[in-house]
Structure formats: structure tokens, C-alpha cells
């Protein structure tokens, strides 16, 4: 590609040629007339030709300047039009929000009508995935990450935290005559969902039973219950809602069912969970929309 002069020098030349005045060009660009004169001298040095006749005043274009002026003017106008078009397309493009499948399905999606009501012209694209998308590579615009500590791949803002409660369908309690304390777990089916083996603090049934055994007497051991396991947390929640066993789930993900009475907490003992963080990259081109979305998230929490 051919070497081009700096844009600042071309802008100074175009404004001075259009006004035939260094002072008016300086006022338009917010600099001093001396700065305009300096930038034009640099451009003349680059071209190897004089572009302005400075004496007698007012200034006028030389033959070379008159030849260059319409080309530079049209080029800058084309550049400005192209950038405006790209910016408009970017503003109309949906804001891409990535988060976990479970959080998208059970917390975010049910609340989206509120976003559309206050920002009808700001569409969203929700990317539910348990993979961590690369914000810096442009795979998404903003992320809601579930982590024990703030993520390090951008600016992280704490949104909310959760804890894990043993829960079941009220129909299961009625059919089983109720649970008489933690000892009533014996013979019940415990519903599990997958946690990475490397997570030593995962809120699993094994950890809950260990905590319960240090608090109460006659707590059954892990082998005294039946077990039903799911890879997907969403499937485990649906199984418990359907009365297929007792699960231990995030109060954030099952908040609607707890409020509606479709699930009930069984014991006064929970395990700490994680936090949800809104993560963004600094100086993002859509910073205003991301900030509006982040503010809305905090308002619905």
C-alpha cells in the first residue's frame, strides 16, 4: 500500500483550502492558526510543492493546491460517510450477551420483557453457553460470568451471589408423608448435577451431608439414598420440579419456583455458592449500550 500523509495534515489542508483562511480553519478544528500553518508546511514538504500562496493576503491556493483540494475534500467526505454508515450498522446490531445456559434460561430470559419495554430500540442476542467466550476476540460484547472470584478477562462488576438449598416438590412431601428431620432423607432419591472434579468447594450433596452430620444426629450416609444424576443443571431442576427426587440448587435459579410454591426448602442448612459478574472490555465501541444494559441488570436484581 502506498504511504499516505497523516490524516491531521489532510484535515488542516482541507479546512484551510475551503475557508481560504488559516484562522477560520483553526477555529473549526479547535487549534491555533500556527498549528494549521505547521501542519500545512508538513504536507507541502511531503508533496514537494507549495500548496498555498501566503502573500499577499488573503491566502490563495497554488496550482498544485487547487488540484489537490477537490480530491482531499471528496476523500474525507467519503471516509466520514463510510464511518457514519458503519456506526449506524453497529448501533442497530443486537448487543451480544453471553452467560451460562442455566442463568440465561431461568433468570435472564424471563426478565427480558422489562428490558424491551424501557429500551425497545436496543435489541439483544443472548448466547447461552457453558463455554467461556472470548470478549477480547469479539465473540460477545458483554458477559455475565458465574465464578467464585472476579473474572480477569475484563472489567468485572459484582451483580449478585447465590447459595444452595435442598429442595423438592411439595407433591413429593405429601406422597412420602413428609420428612421428619434430616433422618427422613434415608431411602429418598437425591438428584445431582455435574460439577467439575477440580472444584473442591462445589455445592454437592456430599458436602451438604457432611455439613448436616456435623450439625444433627442420625443423618443418613450417602449410600443410604438413591441417586439420579444429570449432566445439565437445567434437566436436574426439571426432574425435581416433576417430583423425581430431592435436589440441591441455587436459590437464584429456582427463585420463581420457590415463590410460586412449586419447590420448597427442606432444611435450615445451605451451602455458599458463587457470584454472577457483569464483565466488559475497556473502551468498547458500544460502551453506552453496555452501560445501559448493566444498569438495567442491577435494577432488576
C-alpha atoms as a PDB file:
ATOM      1  CA  UNK A   1       0.000   0.000   0.000  1.00  0.00           C
ATOM      2  CA  UNK A   2       1.267   3.463  -0.841  1.00  0.00           C
ATOM      3  CA  UNK A   3       2.439   5.653   2.013  1.00  0.00           C
ATOM      4  CA  UNK A   4      -0.174   8.265   2.918  1.00  0.00           C
ATOM      5  CA  UNK A   5       0.258  11.559   4.784  1.00  0.00           C
ATOM      6  CA  UNK A   6      -1.212  11.767   8.282  1.00  0.00           C
ATOM      7  CA  UNK A   7      -4.936  12.460   8.435  1.00  0.00           C
ATOM      8  CA  UNK A   8      -4.417  15.511  10.657  1.00  0.00           C
ATOM      9  CA  UNK A   9      -2.438  17.257   7.902  1.00  0.00           C
ATOM     10  CA  UNK A  10      -5.051  16.455   5.271  1.00  0.00           C
ATOM     11  CA  UNK A  11      -7.831  17.791   7.542  1.00  0.00           C
ATOM     12  CA  UNK A  12      -5.900  21.009   8.149  1.00  0.00           C
ATOM     13  CA  UNK A  13      -5.333  21.475   4.394  1.00  0.00           C
ATOM     14  CA  UNK A  14      -8.975  20.782   3.508  1.00  0.00           C
ATOM     15  CA  UNK A  15     -10.312  23.257   6.089  1.00  0.00           C
ATOM     16  CA  UNK A  16      -7.808  25.993   5.123  1.00  0.00           C
ATOM     17  CA  UNK A  17      -8.486  25.490   1.403  1.00  0.00           C
ATOM     18  CA  UNK A  18     -12.251  25.579   1.942  1.00  0.00           C
ATOM     19  CA  UNK A  19     -12.146  28.774   4.017  1.00  0.00           C
ATOM     20  CA  UNK A  20      -9.069  30.269   2.319  1.00  0.00           C
ATOM     21  CA  UNK A  21      -8.134  31.261   5.861  1.00  0.00           C
ATOM     22  CA  UNK A  22      -5.801  29.668   8.376  1.00  0.00           C
ATOM     23  CA  UNK A  23      -7.656  31.385  11.226  1.00  0.00           C
ATOM     24  CA  UNK A  24     -11.104  30.083  10.205  1.00  0.00           C
ATOM     25  CA  UNK A  25      -9.650  26.618   9.694  1.00  0.00           C
ATOM     26  CA  UNK A  26      -8.100  26.788  13.177  1.00  0.00           C
ATOM     27  CA  UNK A  27     -11.430  27.846  14.729  1.00  0.00           C
ATOM     28  CA  UNK A  28     -13.218  24.951  13.033  1.00  0.00           C
ATOM     29  CA  UNK A  29     -10.689  22.340  14.139  1.00  0.00           C
ATOM     30  CA  UNK A  30     -10.144  23.762  17.620  1.00  0.00           C
ATOM     31  CA  UNK A  31      -6.433  24.524  17.210  1.00  0.00           C
ATOM     32  CA  UNK A  32      -4.323  27.646  16.686  1.00  0.00           C
ATOM     33  CA  UNK A  33      -3.566  29.270  13.299  1.00  0.00           C
ATOM     34  CA  UNK A  34       0.102  28.486  13.977  1.00  0.00           C
ATOM     35  CA  UNK A  35      -0.763  24.781  14.264  1.00  0.00           C
ATOM     36  CA  UNK A  36      -2.645  24.909  10.947  1.00  0.00           C
ATOM     37  CA  UNK A  37       0.322  26.603   9.288  1.00  0.00           C
ATOM     38  CA  UNK A  38       2.696  23.987  10.700  1.00  0.00           C
ATOM     39  CA  UNK A  39       0.539  21.080   9.518  1.00  0.00           C
ATOM     40  CA  UNK A  40       0.282  22.531   6.018  1.00  0.00           C
ATOM     41  CA  UNK A  41       4.058  23.035   5.843  1.00  0.00           C
ATOM     42  CA  UNK A  42       4.486  19.344   6.735  1.00  0.00           C
ATOM     43  CA  UNK A  43       2.076  18.413   3.944  1.00  0.00           C
ATOM     44  CA  UNK A  44       3.918  20.663   1.495  1.00  0.00           C
ATOM     45  CA  UNK A  45       7.175  19.011   2.490  1.00  0.00           C
ATOM     46  CA  UNK A  46       5.568  15.611   1.879  1.00  0.00           C
ATOM     47  CA  UNK A  47       4.248  16.720  -1.561  1.00  0.00           C
ATOM     48  CA  UNK A  48       7.388  18.630  -2.541  1.00  0.00           C
ATOM     49  CA  UNK A  49       5.196  21.508  -3.768  1.00  0.00           C
ATOM     50  CA  UNK A  50       3.752  24.704  -2.330  1.00  0.00           C
ATOM     51  CA  UNK A  51       0.023  24.395  -1.775  1.00  0.00           C
ATOM     52  CA  UNK A  52      -0.788  27.969  -0.648  1.00  0.00           C
ATOM     53  CA  UNK A  53       0.294  31.445  -1.680  1.00  0.00           C
ATOM     54  CA  UNK A  54       0.630  33.168   1.678  1.00  0.00           C
ATOM     55  CA  UNK A  55       1.412  36.658   0.319  1.00  0.00           C
ATOM     56  CA  UNK A  56      -0.306  38.910  -0.411  1.00  0.00           C
ATOM     57  CA  UNK A  57      -3.146  38.211   1.994  1.00  0.00           C
ATOM     58  CA  UNK A  58      -5.706  36.620   1.930  1.00  0.00           C
ATOM     59  CA  UNK A  59      -4.096  33.275   1.231  1.00  0.00           C
ATOM     60  CA  UNK A  60      -4.882  31.506  -2.018  1.00  0.00           C
ATOM     61  CA  UNK A  61      -4.269  28.091  -3.462  1.00  0.00           C
ATOM     62  CA  UNK A  62      -1.382  27.430  -5.788  1.00  0.00           C
ATOM     63  CA  UNK A  63      -1.970  25.361  -8.908  1.00  0.00           C
ATOM     64  CA  UNK A  64      -0.894  22.235  -7.022  1.00  0.00           C
ATOM     65  CA  UNK A  65      -3.165  23.136  -4.088  1.00  0.00           C
ATOM     66  CA  UNK A  66      -6.122  23.699  -6.403  1.00  0.00           C
ATOM     67  CA  UNK A  67      -5.551  20.279  -7.984  1.00  0.00           C
ATOM     68  CA  UNK A  68      -5.278  18.563  -4.604  1.00  0.00           C
ATOM     69  CA  UNK A  69      -8.196  20.272  -2.829  1.00  0.00           C
ATOM     70  CA  UNK A  70     -11.197  18.551  -4.530  1.00  0.00           C
ATOM     71  CA  UNK A  71      -9.527  15.141  -4.213  1.00  0.00           C
ATOM     72  CA  UNK A  72      -8.860  15.563  -0.485  1.00  0.00           C
ATOM     73  CA  UNK A  73     -12.340  17.012   0.117  1.00  0.00           C
ATOM     74  CA  UNK A  74     -14.080  14.120  -1.650  1.00  0.00           C
ATOM     75  CA  UNK A  75     -11.852  11.593   0.105  1.00  0.00           C
ATOM     76  CA  UNK A  76     -12.594  12.965   3.568  1.00  0.00           C
ATOM     77  CA  UNK A  77     -16.317  13.143   2.822  1.00  0.00           C
ATOM     78  CA  UNK A  78     -16.293   9.525   1.614  1.00  0.00           C
ATOM     79  CA  UNK A  79     -14.363   8.494   4.722  1.00  0.00           C
ATOM     80  CA  UNK A  80     -16.840  10.295   7.014  1.00  0.00           C
ATOM     81  CA  UNK A  81     -19.845   8.787   5.198  1.00  0.00           C
ATOM     82  CA  UNK A  82     -18.403   5.271   5.438  1.00  0.00           C
ATOM     83  CA  UNK A  83     -17.682   5.645   9.159  1.00  0.00           C
ATOM     84  CA  UNK A  84     -21.192   7.007   9.789  1.00  0.00           C
ATOM     85  CA  UNK A  85     -22.694   4.040   7.945  1.00  0.00           C
ATOM     86  CA  UNK A  86     -20.603   1.549   9.929  1.00  0.00           C
ATOM     87  CA  UNK A  87     -21.515   3.259  13.187  1.00  0.00           C
ATOM     88  CA  UNK A  88     -25.203   3.168  12.301  1.00  0.00           C
ATOM     89  CA  UNK A  89     -24.994  -0.542  11.474  1.00  0.00           C
ATOM     90  CA  UNK A  90     -23.191  -1.151  14.778  1.00  0.00           C
ATOM     91  CA  UNK A  91     -25.872   0.720  16.725  1.00  0.00           C
ATOM     92  CA  UNK A  92     -28.597  -1.367  15.068  1.00  0.00           C
ATOM     93  CA  UNK A  93     -26.794  -4.676  15.635  1.00  0.00           C
ATOM     94  CA  UNK A  94     -28.035  -6.661  18.655  1.00  0.00           C
ATOM     95  CA  UNK A  95     -25.923  -6.417  21.786  1.00  0.00           C
ATOM     96  CA  UNK A  96     -24.422  -9.905  22.204  1.00  0.00           C
ATOM     97  CA  UNK A  97     -24.697 -11.098  25.813  1.00  0.00           C
ATOM     98  CA  UNK A  98     -23.089 -14.395  26.813  1.00  0.00           C
ATOM     99  CA  UNK A  99     -23.879 -16.266  30.020  1.00  0.00           C
ATOM    100  CA  UNK A 100     -24.411 -19.819  31.243  1.00  0.00           C
ATOM    101  CA  UNK A 101     -27.283 -21.885  29.859  1.00  0.00           C
ATOM    102  CA  UNK A 102     -28.906 -22.160  33.293  1.00  0.00           C
ATOM    103  CA  UNK A 103     -28.721 -18.438  34.111  1.00  0.00           C
ATOM    104  CA  UNK A 104     -29.954 -17.466  30.640  1.00  0.00           C
ATOM    105  CA  UNK A 105     -32.906 -19.837  30.788  1.00  0.00           C
ATOM    106  CA  UNK A 106     -34.023 -19.446  34.387  1.00  0.00           C
ATOM    107  CA  UNK A 107     -33.104 -15.866  35.318  1.00  0.00           C
ATOM    108  CA  UNK A 108     -32.298 -13.642  32.343  1.00  0.00           C
ATOM    109  CA  UNK A 109     -34.816 -14.681  29.677  1.00  0.00           C
ATOM    110  CA  UNK A 110     -37.901 -14.331  31.945  1.00  0.00           C
ATOM    111  CA  UNK A 111     -36.865 -10.722  32.690  1.00  0.00           C
ATOM    112  CA  UNK A 112     -36.138  -9.632  29.103  1.00  0.00           C
ATOM    113  CA  UNK A 113     -39.615  -8.116  28.532  1.00  0.00           C
ATOM    114  CA  UNK A 114     -38.666  -5.455  31.073  1.00  0.00           C
ATOM    115  CA  UNK A 115     -35.559  -4.560  29.001  1.00  0.00           C
ATOM    116  CA  UNK A 116     -37.568  -4.365  25.779  1.00  0.00           C
ATOM    117  CA  UNK A 117     -40.099  -2.124  27.496  1.00  0.00           C
ATOM    118  CA  UNK A 118     -37.552   0.502  28.538  1.00  0.00           C
ATOM    119  CA  UNK A 119     -35.179   0.074  25.541  1.00  0.00           C
ATOM    120  CA  UNK A 120     -37.329  -1.029  22.572  1.00  0.00           C
ATOM    121  CA  UNK A 121     -34.678   0.138  20.095  1.00  0.00           C
ATOM    122  CA  UNK A 122     -31.820  -1.814  21.669  1.00  0.00           C
ATOM    123  CA  UNK A 123     -32.094  -5.481  20.610  1.00  0.00           C
ATOM    124  CA  UNK A 124     -30.204  -8.261  22.386  1.00  0.00           C
ATOM    125  CA  UNK A 125     -28.697 -11.546  21.265  1.00  0.00           C
ATOM    126  CA  UNK A 126     -28.457 -13.960  24.201  1.00  0.00           C
ATOM    127  CA  UNK A 127     -25.692 -16.554  23.834  1.00  0.00           C
ATOM    128  CA  UNK A 128     -26.354 -19.283  26.387  1.00  0.00           C
ATOM    129  CA  UNK A 129     -23.287 -21.483  26.693  1.00  0.00           C
ATOM    130  CA  UNK A 130     -21.223 -23.076  29.431  1.00  0.00           C
ATOM    131  CA  UNK A 131     -18.093 -22.321  27.406  1.00  0.00           C
ATOM    132  CA  UNK A 132     -16.257 -19.081  28.198  1.00  0.00           C
ATOM    133  CA  UNK A 133     -16.426 -16.856  25.111  1.00  0.00           C
ATOM    134  CA  UNK A 134     -13.516 -14.500  24.431  1.00  0.00           C
ATOM    135  CA  UNK A 135     -14.677 -10.898  24.820  1.00  0.00           C
ATOM    136  CA  UNK A 136     -11.349  -9.507  23.638  1.00  0.00           C
ATOM    137  CA  UNK A 137     -11.650 -11.526  20.413  1.00  0.00           C
ATOM    138  CA  UNK A 138     -15.139 -10.099  19.803  1.00  0.00           C
ATOM    139  CA  UNK A 139     -17.049 -13.355  20.378  1.00  0.00           C
ATOM    140  CA  UNK A 140     -19.537 -11.389  22.516  1.00  0.00           C
ATOM    141  CA  UNK A 141     -19.978  -7.783  23.674  1.00  0.00           C
ATOM    142  CA  UNK A 142     -20.625  -8.391  27.370  1.00  0.00           C
ATOM    143  CA  UNK A 143     -20.667 -11.446  29.638  1.00  0.00           C
ATOM    144  CA  UNK A 144     -22.463 -12.486  32.803  1.00  0.00           C
ATOM    145  CA  UNK A 145     -19.976 -14.905  34.349  1.00  0.00           C
ATOM    146  CA  UNK A 146     -20.559 -17.304  37.237  1.00  0.00           C
ATOM    147  CA  UNK A 147     -17.389 -17.526  39.313  1.00  0.00           C
ATOM    148  CA  UNK A 148     -16.055 -17.650  42.860  1.00  0.00           C
ATOM    149  CA  UNK A 149     -13.677 -14.724  42.253  1.00  0.00           C
ATOM    150  CA  UNK A 150     -13.947 -11.806  39.786  1.00  0.00           C
ATOM    151  CA  UNK A 151     -13.021 -12.905  36.237  1.00  0.00           C
ATOM    152  CA  UNK A 152      -9.781 -11.470  34.879  1.00  0.00           C
ATOM    153  CA  UNK A 153     -10.686 -11.172  31.185  1.00  0.00           C
ATOM    154  CA  UNK A 154     -12.198  -7.682  31.521  1.00  0.00           C
ATOM    155  CA  UNK A 155     -13.704  -5.175  33.928  1.00  0.00           C
ATOM    156  CA  UNK A 156     -15.877  -7.234  36.303  1.00  0.00           C
ATOM    157  CA  UNK A 157     -18.803  -5.832  38.290  1.00  0.00           C
ATOM    158  CA  UNK A 158     -20.467  -7.926  41.012  1.00  0.00           C
ATOM    159  CA  UNK A 159     -24.152  -8.456  40.172  1.00  0.00           C
ATOM    160  CA  UNK A 160     -25.483 -10.946  42.740  1.00  0.00           C
ATOM    161  CA  UNK A 161     -24.483 -14.032  44.723  1.00  0.00           C
ATOM    162  CA  UNK A 162     -26.297 -17.270  45.440  1.00  0.00           C
ATOM    163  CA  UNK A 163     -26.492 -20.140  47.914  1.00  0.00           C
ATOM    164  CA  UNK A 164     -27.647 -23.732  47.517  1.00  0.00           C
ATOM    165  CA  UNK A 165     -30.649 -25.208  49.343  1.00  0.00           C
ATOM    166  CA  UNK A 166     -32.054 -28.738  49.473  1.00  0.00           C
ATOM    167  CA  UNK A 167     -35.449 -28.522  47.763  1.00  0.00           C
ATOM    168  CA  UNK A 168     -38.182 -30.763  46.454  1.00  0.00           C
ATOM    169  CA  UNK A 169     -41.681 -30.659  45.037  1.00  0.00           C
ATOM    170  CA  UNK A 170     -44.413 -30.268  47.664  1.00  0.00           C
ATOM    171  CA  UNK A 171     -46.124 -33.260  45.999  1.00  0.00           C
ATOM    172  CA  UNK A 172     -43.138 -35.417  46.946  1.00  0.00           C
ATOM    173  CA  UNK A 173     -43.527 -34.369  50.591  1.00  0.00           C
ATOM    174  CA  UNK A 174     -47.229 -35.199  50.569  1.00  0.00           C
ATOM    175  CA  UNK A 175     -46.722 -38.595  48.967  1.00  0.00           C
ATOM    176  CA  UNK A 176     -43.948 -39.503  51.390  1.00  0.00           C
ATOM    177  CA  UNK A 177     -45.694 -38.309  54.495  1.00  0.00           C
ATOM    178  CA  UNK A 178     -43.195 -35.501  54.970  1.00  0.00           C
ATOM    179  CA  UNK A 179     -39.596 -35.572  56.143  1.00  0.00           C
ATOM    180  CA  UNK A 180     -39.060 -35.927  59.890  1.00  0.00           C
ATOM    181  CA  UNK A 181     -35.759 -34.091  60.069  1.00  0.00           C
ATOM    182  CA  UNK A 182     -32.608 -34.944  58.137  1.00  0.00           C
ATOM    183  CA  UNK A 183     -33.027 -38.613  59.078  1.00  0.00           C
ATOM    184  CA  UNK A 184     -36.004 -38.623  56.699  1.00  0.00           C
ATOM    185  CA  UNK A 185     -33.616 -38.469  53.762  1.00  0.00           C
ATOM    186  CA  UNK A 186     -32.927 -42.185  54.187  1.00  0.00           C
ATOM    187  CA  UNK A 187     -34.394 -44.008  51.208  1.00  0.00           C
ATOM    188  CA  UNK A 188     -35.072 -40.809  49.245  1.00  0.00           C
ATOM    189  CA  UNK A 189     -33.654 -40.130  45.762  1.00  0.00           C
ATOM    190  CA  UNK A 190     -31.017 -37.395  45.647  1.00  0.00           C
ATOM    191  CA  UNK A 191     -30.796 -35.536  42.327  1.00  0.00           C
ATOM    192  CA  UNK A 192     -27.307 -34.465  41.259  1.00  0.00           C
ATOM    193  CA  UNK A 193     -25.946 -32.200  38.530  1.00  0.00           C
ATOM    194  CA  UNK A 194     -22.406 -32.068  37.206  1.00  0.00           C
ATOM    195  CA  UNK A 195     -19.614 -30.059  38.823  1.00  0.00           C
ATOM    196  CA  UNK A 196     -16.017 -30.067  37.611  1.00  0.00           C
ATOM    197  CA  UNK A 197     -13.896 -32.501  39.655  1.00  0.00           C
ATOM    198  CA  UNK A 198     -11.325 -29.731  40.133  1.00  0.00           C
ATOM    199  CA  UNK A 199     -13.838 -27.620  42.083  1.00  0.00           C
ATOM    200  CA  UNK A 200     -13.188 -28.712  45.663  1.00  0.00           C
ATOM    201  CA  UNK A 201     -15.842 -26.336  47.026  1.00  0.00           C
ATOM    202  CA  UNK A 202     -18.675 -27.282  44.673  1.00  0.00           C
ATOM    203  CA  UNK A 203     -22.100 -27.277  46.399  1.00  0.00           C
ATOM    204  CA  UNK A 204     -22.722 -31.009  46.089  1.00  0.00           C
ATOM    205  CA  UNK A 205     -24.842 -33.419  48.102  1.00  0.00           C
ATOM    206  CA  UNK A 206     -21.683 -34.957  49.572  1.00  0.00           C
ATOM    207  CA  UNK A 207     -20.656 -31.589  51.041  1.00  0.00           C
ATOM    208  CA  UNK A 208     -24.162 -30.846  52.297  1.00  0.00           C
ATOM    209  CA  UNK A 209     -24.426 -34.230  54.028  1.00  0.00           C
ATOM    210  CA  UNK A 210     -21.042 -33.681  55.680  1.00  0.00           C
ATOM    211  CA  UNK A 211     -22.241 -30.296  56.982  1.00  0.00           C
ATOM    212  CA  UNK A 212     -25.533 -31.816  58.153  1.00  0.00           C
ATOM    213  CA  UNK A 213     -23.785 -34.665  60.005  1.00  0.00           C
ATOM    214  CA  UNK A 214     -21.750 -32.112  61.978  1.00  0.00           C
ATOM    215  CA  UNK A 215     -24.979 -30.312  62.942  1.00  0.00           C
ATOM    216  CA  UNK A 216     -27.587 -33.028  63.518  1.00  0.00           C
ATOM    217  CA  UNK A 217     -27.776 -36.617  64.723  1.00  0.00           C
ATOM    218  CA  UNK A 218     -28.921 -39.602  62.670  1.00  0.00           C
ATOM    219  CA  UNK A 219     -28.126 -38.090  59.302  1.00  0.00           C
ATOM    220  CA  UNK A 220     -28.003 -40.929  56.748  1.00  0.00           C
ATOM    221  CA  UNK A 221     -24.856 -41.603  54.787  1.00  0.00           C
ATOM    222  CA  UNK A 222     -24.525 -41.128  51.037  1.00  0.00           C
ATOM    223  CA  UNK A 223     -25.161 -44.810  50.338  1.00  0.00           C
ATOM    224  CA  UNK A 224     -28.472 -44.810  52.234  1.00  0.00           C
ATOM    225  CA  UNK A 225     -30.200 -42.871  49.432  1.00  0.00           C
ATOM    226  CA  UNK A 226     -30.979 -43.456  45.786  1.00  0.00           C
ATOM    227  CA  UNK A 227     -29.281 -41.238  43.219  1.00  0.00           C
ATOM    228  CA  UNK A 228     -30.231 -39.645  39.892  1.00  0.00           C
ATOM    229  CA  UNK A 229     -27.560 -37.654  38.060  1.00  0.00           C
ATOM    230  CA  UNK A 230     -27.732 -35.150  35.201  1.00  0.00           C
ATOM    231  CA  UNK A 231     -25.008 -33.509  33.166  1.00  0.00           C
ATOM    232  CA  UNK A 232     -27.173 -30.421  32.619  1.00  0.00           C
ATOM    233  CA  UNK A 233     -28.301 -28.422  35.646  1.00  0.00           C
ATOM    234  CA  UNK A 234     -31.498 -27.418  33.844  1.00  0.00           C
ATOM    235  CA  UNK A 235     -32.510 -31.073  33.486  1.00  0.00           C
ATOM    236  CA  UNK A 236     -31.842 -31.750  37.168  1.00  0.00           C
ATOM    237  CA  UNK A 237     -34.083 -28.825  38.176  1.00  0.00           C
ATOM    238  CA  UNK A 238     -36.892 -30.048  35.928  1.00  0.00           C
ATOM    239  CA  UNK A 239     -36.629 -33.544  37.401  1.00  0.00           C
ATOM    240  CA  UNK A 240     -37.033 -32.205  40.939  1.00  0.00           C
ATOM    241  CA  UNK A 241     -39.967 -29.985  39.932  1.00  0.00           C
ATOM    242  CA  UNK A 242     -41.576 -33.122  38.494  1.00  0.00           C
ATOM    243  CA  UNK A 243     -41.223 -34.884  41.859  1.00  0.00           C
ATOM    244  CA  UNK A 244     -38.475 -37.323  40.872  1.00  0.00           C
ATOM    245  CA  UNK A 245     -36.276 -36.614  43.890  1.00  0.00           C
ATOM    246  CA  UNK A 246     -34.625 -34.008  46.113  1.00  0.00           C
ATOM    247  CA  UNK A 247     -32.121 -31.579  44.629  1.00  0.00           C
ATOM    248  CA  UNK A 248     -29.703 -29.004  45.933  1.00  0.00           C
ATOM    249  CA  UNK A 249     -29.885 -25.900  43.743  1.00  0.00           C
ATOM    250  CA  UNK A 250     -29.007 -22.209  43.517  1.00  0.00           C
ATOM    251  CA  UNK A 251     -31.675 -20.001  45.059  1.00  0.00           C
ATOM    252  CA  UNK A 252     -31.150 -17.615  42.114  1.00  0.00           C
ATOM    253  CA  UNK A 253     -32.060 -20.251  39.529  1.00  0.00           C
ATOM    254  CA  UNK A 254     -35.141 -21.569  41.339  1.00  0.00           C
ATOM    255  CA  UNK A 255     -36.424 -18.277  42.779  1.00  0.00           C
ATOM    256  CA  UNK A 256     -39.610 -18.335  40.663  1.00  0.00           C
ATOM    257  CA  UNK A 257     -40.486 -21.875  41.741  1.00  0.00           C
ATOM    258  CA  UNK A 258     -39.832 -21.082  45.405  1.00  0.00           C
ATOM    259  CA  UNK A 259     -42.087 -18.014  45.233  1.00  0.00           C
ATOM    260  CA  UNK A 260     -44.820 -19.950  43.408  1.00  0.00           C
ATOM    261  CA  UNK A 261     -44.628 -22.899  45.817  1.00  0.00           C
ATOM    262  CA  UNK A 262     -43.601 -25.359  43.111  1.00  0.00           C
ATOM    263  CA  UNK A 263     -40.467 -26.100  45.145  1.00  0.00           C
ATOM    264  CA  UNK A 264     -39.966 -25.943  48.913  1.00  0.00           C
ATOM    265  CA  UNK A 265     -36.840 -25.688  51.049  1.00  0.00           C
ATOM    266  CA  UNK A 266     -36.411 -28.725  53.295  1.00  0.00           C
ATOM    267  CA  UNK A 267     -33.829 -27.825  55.944  1.00  0.00           C
ATOM    268  CA  UNK A 268     -32.346 -24.766  57.572  1.00  0.00           C
ATOM    269  CA  UNK A 269     -28.920 -25.501  56.134  1.00  0.00           C
ATOM    270  CA  UNK A 270     -27.460 -24.246  52.855  1.00  0.00           C
ATOM    271  CA  UNK A 271     -24.094 -24.172  51.122  1.00  0.00           C
ATOM    272  CA  UNK A 272     -22.423 -20.996  49.825  1.00  0.00           C
ATOM    273  CA  UNK A 273     -22.422 -20.656  46.061  1.00  0.00           C
ATOM    274  CA  UNK A 274     -20.705 -18.280  43.662  1.00  0.00           C
ATOM    275  CA  UNK A 275     -21.225 -14.784  42.312  1.00  0.00           C
ATOM    276  CA  UNK A 276     -22.530 -13.532  38.989  1.00  0.00           C
ATOM    277  CA  UNK A 277     -20.323 -10.836  37.443  1.00  0.00           C
ATOM    278  CA  UNK A 278     -21.034  -8.495  34.550  1.00  0.00           C
ATOM    279  CA  UNK A 279     -17.811  -8.451  32.533  1.00  0.00           C
ATOM    280  CA  UNK A 280     -16.932  -5.986  29.776  1.00  0.00           C
ATOM    281  CA  UNK A 281     -13.794  -4.915  27.923  1.00  0.00           C
ATOM    282  CA  UNK A 282     -12.459  -1.359  28.371  1.00  0.00           C
ATOM    283  CA  UNK A 283     -13.198   1.229  25.652  1.00  0.00           C
ATOM    284  CA  UNK A 284     -15.717  -0.994  23.884  1.00  0.00           C
ATOM    285  CA  UNK A 285     -17.290   0.694  20.796  1.00  0.00           C
ATOM    286  CA  UNK A 286     -20.739   0.047  22.280  1.00  0.00           C
ATOM    287  CA  UNK A 287     -19.892   1.256  25.758  1.00  0.00           C
ATOM    288  CA  UNK A 288     -23.097   3.313  26.159  1.00  0.00           C
ATOM    289  CA  UNK A 289     -25.365   0.377  25.340  1.00  0.00           C
ATOM    290  CA  UNK A 290     -23.362  -1.945  27.583  1.00  0.00           C
ATOM    291  CA  UNK A 291     -23.606   0.542  30.453  1.00  0.00           C
ATOM    292  CA  UNK A 292     -27.373   0.844  29.931  1.00  0.00           C
ATOM    293  CA  UNK A 293     -27.715  -2.949  29.975  1.00  0.00           C
ATOM    294  CA  UNK A 294     -25.555  -3.258  33.095  1.00  0.00           C
ATOM    295  CA  UNK A 295     -27.618  -0.575  34.871  1.00  0.00           C
ATOM    296  CA  UNK A 296     -30.816  -2.399  33.915  1.00  0.00           C
ATOM    297  CA  UNK A 297     -29.458  -5.694  35.281  1.00  0.00           C
ATOM    298  CA  UNK A 298     -28.718  -4.071  38.637  1.00  0.00           C
ATOM    299  CA  UNK A 299     -32.203  -2.557  38.717  1.00  0.00           C
ATOM    300  CA  UNK A 300     -33.964  -5.913  38.242  1.00  0.00           C
ATOM    301  CA  UNK A 301     -31.760  -7.608  40.840  1.00  0.00           C
END
